[in-house]
Amino acid sequence: MTKTVEFYFDVGSPAAYIAFKRLPGICEKAHARLEYKPMLLGGVFQATGNQSPVSVPAKGRYIMVDFERFARRHGIEFRHNPFFPINTLTLMRGAAGLQLREPTRLLPYLDAVYRAIWVDGKDMNDPAVVGGVLKAAGFDPGKLLALTADPEVKERLKALTQEAVARGVFGAPTCFVDGNMYWGQDRLDFVREALEAQA
């Protein structure tokens, strides 16, 4: 029986970016299915009382260095974004909308957005910058913006975020395998082990 990794993520999380780059290879090797679950991390924080590690300055400085270490270990391009934190509401609605209406375009969208934030250091708080990134990736920025305003898309992102909270998610990335939760990009070895275990 094919196992599934449910991947709850937000593009504004550097940890989720590292997981996004690593999970396809882990799943491919284990012949597992990767299910993308866009959520709004700010909504998760609000619902759970959690907050970004950067709210503690010393921890924020350390964790970015730690992300750089993990990225180097796994051959992932990564640079701290000078405009962090990014308000990802529209970006995550874009992910939820594409998953709902044009699922084959979700991964190209995520590739472009993640690269813009965590490799190229772009200010994705600026709608003009977002539009330029999307256009360069082959998207129609106006059409995508209209999609993010669709009530059904807004509701989908809200529902996925509520679903995440109901399942015990408090941060990103969070993965589920066989109903077991694994939080953090530094827990992907446990995800791999869970996929390799006999059902």
C-alpha atoms as a PDB file:
ATOM      1  CA  MET A   1       0.000   0.000   0.000  1.00  0.00           C
ATOM      2  CA  THR A   2       1.369   3.437  -0.973  1.00  0.00           C
ATOM      3  CA  LYS A   3       1.988   5.700   1.987  1.00  0.00           C
ATOM      4  CA  THR A   4       1.223   9.414   1.966  1.00  0.00           C
ATOM      5  CA  VAL A   5       3.067  12.360   3.495  1.00  0.00           C
ATOM      6  CA  GLU A   6       0.713  15.225   4.298  1.00  0.00           C
ATOM      7  CA  PHE A   7       2.794  18.405   4.195  1.00  0.00           C
ATOM      8  CA  TYR A   8       1.353  21.494   5.913  1.00  0.00           C
ATOM      9  CA  PHE A   9       3.329  24.558   4.889  1.00  0.00           C
ATOM     10  CA  ASP A  10       3.458  28.325   4.466  1.00  0.00           C
ATOM     11  CA  VAL A  11       5.868  29.954   1.985  1.00  0.00           C
ATOM     12  CA  GLY A  12       6.895  32.520   4.599  1.00  0.00           C
ATOM     13  CA  SER A  13       8.578  29.837   6.715  1.00  0.00           C
ATOM     14  CA  PRO A  14      12.267  29.185   5.945  1.00  0.00           C
ATOM     15  CA  ALA A  15      11.957  25.790   7.636  1.00  0.00           C
ATOM     16  CA  ALA A  16       9.046  24.890   5.360  1.00  0.00           C
ATOM     17  CA  TYR A  17      11.151  25.948   2.358  1.00  0.00           C
ATOM     18  CA  ILE A  18      13.906  23.502   3.317  1.00  0.00           C
ATOM     19  CA  ALA A  19      11.305  20.757   3.815  1.00  0.00           C
ATOM     20  CA  PHE A  20       9.726  21.640   0.457  1.00  0.00           C
ATOM     21  CA  LYS A  21      13.071  21.060  -1.241  1.00  0.00           C
ATOM     22  CA  ARG A  22      13.794  17.786   0.583  1.00  0.00           C
ATOM     23  CA  LEU A  23      10.440  16.007   0.722  1.00  0.00           C
ATOM     24  CA  PRO A  24      10.029  15.126  -2.984  1.00  0.00           C
ATOM     25  CA  GLY A  25      13.270  13.134  -2.928  1.00  0.00           C
ATOM     26  CA  ILE A  26      12.361  11.407   0.329  1.00  0.00           C
ATOM     27  CA  CYS A  27       8.934  10.471  -1.015  1.00  0.00           C
ATOM     28  CA  GLU A  28      10.273   9.333  -4.384  1.00  0.00           C
ATOM     29  CA  LYS A  29      12.796   7.028  -2.750  1.00  0.00           C
ATOM     30  CA  ALA A  30      10.086   5.510  -0.534  1.00  0.00           C
ATOM     31  CA  HIS A  31       7.540   5.325  -3.387  1.00  0.00           C
ATOM     32  CA  ALA A  32       5.269   7.517  -1.288  1.00  0.00           C
ATOM     33  CA  ARG A  33       2.752  10.156  -2.272  1.00  0.00           C
ATOM     34  CA  LEU A  34       3.321  13.780  -1.248  1.00  0.00           C
ATOM     35  CA  GLU A  35       0.154  15.741  -0.468  1.00  0.00           C
ATOM     36  CA  TYR A  36       0.571  19.512  -0.242  1.00  0.00           C
ATOM     37  CA  LYS A  37      -1.518  21.271   2.413  1.00  0.00           C
ATOM     38  CA  PRO A  38      -1.247  25.068   2.176  1.00  0.00           C
ATOM     39  CA  MET A  39      -2.131  26.808   5.434  1.00  0.00           C
ATOM     40  CA  LEU A  40      -1.793  30.302   6.843  1.00  0.00           C
ATOM     41  CA  LEU A  41       0.916  30.156   9.484  1.00  0.00           C
ATOM     42  CA  GLY A  42      -0.224  33.425  11.035  1.00  0.00           C
ATOM     43  CA  GLY A  43      -3.657  31.890  11.565  1.00  0.00           C
ATOM     44  CA  VAL A  44      -2.084  28.813  13.151  1.00  0.00           C
ATOM     45  CA  PHE A  45      -0.030  31.008  15.493  1.00  0.00           C
ATOM     46  CA  GLN A  46      -3.114  32.984  16.448  1.00  0.00           C
ATOM     47  CA  ALA A  47      -5.169  29.860  17.143  1.00  0.00           C
ATOM     48  CA  THR A  48      -2.475  28.070  19.141  1.00  0.00           C
ATOM     49  CA  GLY A  49      -0.783  30.935  20.960  1.00  0.00           C
ATOM     50  CA  ASN A  50       2.500  30.109  19.240  1.00  0.00           C
ATOM     51  CA  GLN A  51       4.771  32.724  17.654  1.00  0.00           C
ATOM     52  CA  SER A  52       7.666  32.956  15.262  1.00  0.00           C
ATOM     53  CA  PRO A  53      11.105  32.088  16.707  1.00  0.00           C
ATOM     54  CA  VAL A  54      12.326  35.492  15.505  1.00  0.00           C
ATOM     55  CA  SER A  55      10.172  37.114  18.183  1.00  0.00           C
ATOM     56  CA  VAL A  56      13.039  36.146  20.525  1.00  0.00           C
ATOM     57  CA  PRO A  57      16.008  38.009  18.972  1.00  0.00           C
ATOM     58  CA  ALA A  58      18.740  35.622  20.152  1.00  0.00           C
ATOM     59  CA  LYS A  59      16.750  32.591  19.002  1.00  0.00           C
ATOM     60  CA  GLY A  60      15.954  34.276  15.690  1.00  0.00           C
ATOM     61  CA  ARG A  61      19.636  34.940  14.983  1.00  0.00           C
ATOM     62  CA  TYR A  62      20.581  31.373  15.890  1.00  0.00           C
ATOM     63  CA  ILE A  63      17.841  29.649  13.937  1.00  0.00           C
ATOM     64  CA  MET A  64      18.758  31.399  10.689  1.00  0.00           C
ATOM     65  CA  VAL A  65      22.336  30.170  11.058  1.00  0.00           C
ATOM     66  CA  ASP A  66      20.943  26.703  11.761  1.00  0.00           C
ATOM     67  CA  PHE A  67      18.814  26.824   8.594  1.00  0.00           C
ATOM     68  CA  GLU A  68      21.941  27.735   6.629  1.00  0.00           C
ATOM     69  CA  ARG A  69      23.690  24.660   8.080  1.00  0.00           C
ATOM     70  CA  PHE A  70      20.841  22.351   7.096  1.00  0.00           C
ATOM     71  CA  ALA A  71      20.625  23.898   3.632  1.00  0.00           C
ATOM     72  CA  ARG A  72      24.359  23.367   3.055  1.00  0.00           C
ATOM     73  CA  ARG A  73      24.140  19.780   4.295  1.00  0.00           C
ATOM     74  CA  HIS A  74      21.426  18.988   1.760  1.00  0.00           C
ATOM     75  CA  GLY A  75      22.710  21.090  -1.146  1.00  0.00           C
ATOM     76  CA  ILE A  76      19.840  23.588  -1.010  1.00  0.00           C
ATOM     77  CA  GLU A  77      20.253  27.207  -2.047  1.00  0.00           C
ATOM     78  CA  PHE A  78      19.204  29.396   0.879  1.00  0.00           C
ATOM     79  CA  ARG A  79      19.653  33.003   1.906  1.00  0.00           C
ATOM     80  CA  HIS A  80      18.017  34.915   4.727  1.00  0.00           C
ATOM     81  CA  ASN A  81      15.400  37.296   3.326  1.00  0.00           C
ATOM     82  CA  PRO A  82      16.074  40.899   4.431  1.00  0.00           C
ATOM     83  CA  PHE A  83      12.327  41.635   4.232  1.00  0.00           C
ATOM     84  CA  PHE A  84      11.351  38.787   6.576  1.00  0.00           C
ATOM     85  CA  PRO A  85       8.732  38.358   7.942  1.00  0.00           C
ATOM     86  CA  ILE A  86       6.542  38.260   4.834  1.00  0.00           C
ATOM     87  CA  ASN A  87       2.769  38.694   4.972  1.00  0.00           C
ATOM     88  CA  THR A  88       1.787  35.549   3.094  1.00  0.00           C
ATOM     89  CA  LEU A  89      -2.007  35.796   3.065  1.00  0.00           C
ATOM     90  CA  THR A  90      -2.276  36.539  -0.672  1.00  0.00           C
ATOM     91  CA  LEU A  91       0.563  34.165  -1.562  1.00  0.00           C
ATOM     92  CA  MET A  92      -1.038  31.288   0.341  1.00  0.00           C
ATOM     93  CA  ARG A  93      -4.431  32.043  -1.173  1.00  0.00           C
ATOM     94  CA  GLY A  94      -2.675  31.749  -4.517  1.00  0.00           C
ATOM     95  CA  ALA A  95      -1.404  28.292  -3.545  1.00  0.00           C
ATOM     96  CA  ALA A  96      -4.810  27.186  -2.293  1.00  0.00           C
ATOM     97  CA  GLY A  97      -6.505  28.589  -5.401  1.00  0.00           C
ATOM     98  CA  LEU A  98      -4.187  26.870  -7.856  1.00  0.00           C
ATOM     99  CA  GLN A  99      -4.520  23.599  -5.978  1.00  0.00           C
ATOM    100  CA  LEU A 100      -8.281  23.955  -6.258  1.00  0.00           C
ATOM    101  CA  ARG A 101      -8.551  25.172  -9.885  1.00  0.00           C
ATOM    102  CA  GLU A 102      -5.265  24.374 -11.673  1.00  0.00           C
ATOM    103  CA  PRO A 103      -3.493  21.701  -9.601  1.00  0.00           C
ATOM    104  CA  THR A 104      -0.774  21.058 -12.189  1.00  0.00           C
ATOM    105  CA  ARG A 105       0.406  24.658 -11.751  1.00  0.00           C
ATOM    106  CA  LEU A 106       0.783  24.470  -7.968  1.00  0.00           C
ATOM    107  CA  LEU A 107       4.386  23.252  -7.949  1.00  0.00           C
ATOM    108  CA  PRO A 108       5.678  25.764 -10.535  1.00  0.00           C
ATOM    109  CA  TYR A 109       3.999  28.475  -8.449  1.00  0.00           C
ATOM    110  CA  LEU A 110       5.566  27.265  -5.205  1.00  0.00           C
ATOM    111  CA  ASP A 111       8.972  26.900  -6.870  1.00  0.00           C
ATOM    112  CA  ALA A 112       8.813  30.507  -8.066  1.00  0.00           C
ATOM    113  CA  VAL A 113       7.552  31.974  -4.794  1.00  0.00           C
ATOM    114  CA  TYR A 114       9.889  29.998  -2.561  1.00  0.00           C
ATOM    115  CA  ARG A 115      12.875  30.913  -4.743  1.00  0.00           C
ATOM    116  CA  ALA A 116      11.927  34.582  -4.725  1.00  0.00           C
ATOM    117  CA  ILE A 117      11.756  34.634  -0.920  1.00  0.00           C
ATOM    118  CA  TRP A 118      14.485  32.228   0.214  1.00  0.00           C
ATOM    119  CA  VAL A 119      17.068  32.408  -2.577  1.00  0.00           C
ATOM    120  CA  ASP A 120      16.685  35.748  -4.360  1.00  0.00           C
ATOM    121  CA  GLY A 121      15.756  37.774  -1.258  1.00  0.00           C
ATOM    122  CA  LYS A 122      12.894  39.626  -2.941  1.00  0.00           C
ATOM    123  CA  ASP A 123      10.394  41.792  -1.073  1.00  0.00           C
ATOM    124  CA  MET A 124       7.294  39.672  -1.540  1.00  0.00           C
ATOM    125  CA  ASN A 125       5.357  42.127   0.638  1.00  0.00           C
ATOM    126  CA  ASP A 126       5.361  44.399  -2.444  1.00  0.00           C
ATOM    127  CA  PRO A 127       2.557  43.555  -4.923  1.00  0.00           C
ATOM    128  CA  ALA A 128       4.641  44.878  -7.826  1.00  0.00           C
ATOM    129  CA  VAL A 129       7.509  42.554  -6.933  1.00  0.00           C
ATOM    130  CA  VAL A 130       5.096  39.624  -6.592  1.00  0.00           C
ATOM    131  CA  GLY A 131       3.642  40.441 -10.007  1.00  0.00           C
ATOM    132  CA  GLY A 132       7.105  40.467 -11.566  1.00  0.00           C
ATOM    133  CA  VAL A 133       8.016  37.118 -10.010  1.00  0.00           C
ATOM    134  CA  LEU A 134       4.792  35.519 -11.198  1.00  0.00           C
ATOM    135  CA  LYS A 135       5.074  36.932 -14.716  1.00  0.00           C
ATOM    136  CA  ALA A 136       8.662  35.672 -15.020  1.00  0.00           C
ATOM    137  CA  ALA A 137       7.424  32.213 -13.967  1.00  0.00           C
ATOM    138  CA  GLY A 138       4.795  32.167 -16.712  1.00  0.00           C
ATOM    139  CA  PHE A 139       1.751  33.210 -14.692  1.00  0.00           C
ATOM    140  CA  ASP A 140      -0.745  35.959 -15.443  1.00  0.00           C
ATOM    141  CA  PRO A 141      -0.464  38.137 -12.292  1.00  0.00           C
ATOM    142  CA  GLY A 142      -3.895  39.728 -12.792  1.00  0.00           C
ATOM    143  CA  LYS A 143      -5.598  36.388 -13.229  1.00  0.00           C
ATOM    144  CA  LEU A 144      -3.865  34.958 -10.191  1.00  0.00           C
ATOM    145  CA  LEU A 145      -4.758  38.005  -8.101  1.00  0.00           C
ATOM    146  CA  ALA A 146      -8.396  37.549  -9.109  1.00  0.00           C
ATOM    147  CA  LEU A 147      -8.157  33.921  -8.031  1.00  0.00           C
ATOM    148  CA  THR A 148      -6.951  34.948  -4.566  1.00  0.00           C
ATOM    149  CA  ALA A 149     -10.073  37.105  -4.189  1.00  0.00           C
ATOM    150  CA  ASP A 150     -12.425  34.208  -4.999  1.00  0.00           C
ATOM    151  CA  PRO A 151     -14.600  33.465  -1.908  1.00  0.00           C
ATOM    152  CA  GLU A 152     -14.242  29.709  -2.458  1.00  0.00           C
ATOM    153  CA  VAL A 153     -10.450  30.023  -2.480  1.00  0.00           C
ATOM    154  CA  LYS A 154     -10.462  32.155   0.672  1.00  0.00           C
ATOM    155  CA  GLU A 155     -12.661  29.572   2.374  1.00  0.00           C
ATOM    156  CA  ARG A 156     -10.393  26.720   1.253  1.00  0.00           C
ATOM    157  CA  LEU A 157      -7.310  28.294   2.822  1.00  0.00           C
ATOM    158  CA  LYS A 158      -9.267  29.029   5.989  1.00  0.00           C
ATOM    159  CA  ALA A 159     -10.561  25.443   6.119  1.00  0.00           C
ATOM    160  CA  LEU A 160      -7.092  23.948   5.599  1.00  0.00           C
ATOM    161  CA  THR A 161      -5.707  26.175   8.351  1.00  0.00           C
ATOM    162  CA  GLN A 162      -8.501  25.151  10.723  1.00  0.00           C
ATOM    163  CA  GLU A 163      -7.944  21.516   9.791  1.00  0.00           C
ATOM    164  CA  ALA A 164      -4.262  21.859  10.639  1.00  0.00           C
ATOM    165  CA  VAL A 165      -5.016  23.375  14.048  1.00  0.00           C
ATOM    166  CA  ALA A 166      -7.611  20.679  14.782  1.00  0.00           C
ATOM    167  CA  ARG A 167      -4.941  18.030  14.088  1.00  0.00           C
ATOM    168  CA  GLY A 168      -2.496  19.595  16.527  1.00  0.00           C
ATOM    169  CA  VAL A 169      -0.367  21.650  14.129  1.00  0.00           C
ATOM    170  CA  PHE A 170       1.290  24.650  15.786  1.00  0.00           C
ATOM    171  CA  GLY A 171       4.015  25.557  13.262  1.00  0.00           C
ATOM    172  CA  ALA A 172       5.473  24.934   9.824  1.00  0.00           C
ATOM    173  CA  PRO A 173       6.444  22.635   8.353  1.00  0.00           C
ATOM    174  CA  THR A 174       4.330  19.857   9.813  1.00  0.00           C
ATOM    175  CA  CYS A 175       4.061  16.422   8.224  1.00  0.00           C
ATOM    176  CA  PHE A 176       1.762  13.515   8.929  1.00  0.00           C
ATOM    177  CA  VAL A 177       2.495   9.892   8.052  1.00  0.00           C
ATOM    178  CA  ASP A 178       0.036   7.189   9.133  1.00  0.00           C
ATOM    179  CA  GLY A 179      -1.635   9.728  11.412  1.00  0.00           C
ATOM    180  CA  ASN A 180       1.608  10.536  13.266  1.00  0.00           C
ATOM    181  CA  MET A 181       2.766  14.154  13.357  1.00  0.00           C
ATOM    182  CA  TYR A 182       6.308  15.367  12.687  1.00  0.00           C
ATOM    183  CA  TRP A 183       7.055  19.065  13.143  1.00  0.00           C
ATOM    184  CA  GLY A 184      10.073  20.862  11.713  1.00  0.00           C
ATOM    185  CA  GLN A 185      12.412  20.448   8.770  1.00  0.00           C
ATOM    186  CA  ASP A 186      14.885  18.848  11.188  1.00  0.00           C
ATOM    187  CA  ARG A 187      12.472  15.933  11.749  1.00  0.00           C
ATOM    188  CA  LEU A 188      12.376  14.689   8.175  1.00  0.00           C
ATOM    189  CA  ASP A 189      14.538  11.694   9.053  1.00  0.00           C
ATOM    190  CA  PHE A 190      11.615  10.501  11.183  1.00  0.00           C
ATOM    191  CA  VAL A 191       9.328  11.034   8.197  1.00  0.00           C
ATOM    192  CA  ARG A 192      11.667   8.936   6.069  1.00  0.00           C
ATOM    193  CA  GLU A 193      11.767   6.193   8.709  1.00  0.00           C
ATOM    194  CA  ALA A 194       7.973   6.198   8.943  1.00  0.00           C
ATOM    195  CA  LEU A 195       7.722   5.760   5.183  1.00  0.00           C
ATOM    196  CA  GLU A 196      10.215   2.899   5.230  1.00  0.00           C
ATOM    197  CA  ALA A 197       8.430   1.077   8.069  1.00  0.00           C
ATOM    198  CA  GLN A 198       6.161  -1.776   7.088  1.00  0.00           C
ATOM    199  CA  ALA A 199       2.483  -0.872   7.120  1.00  0.00           C
END
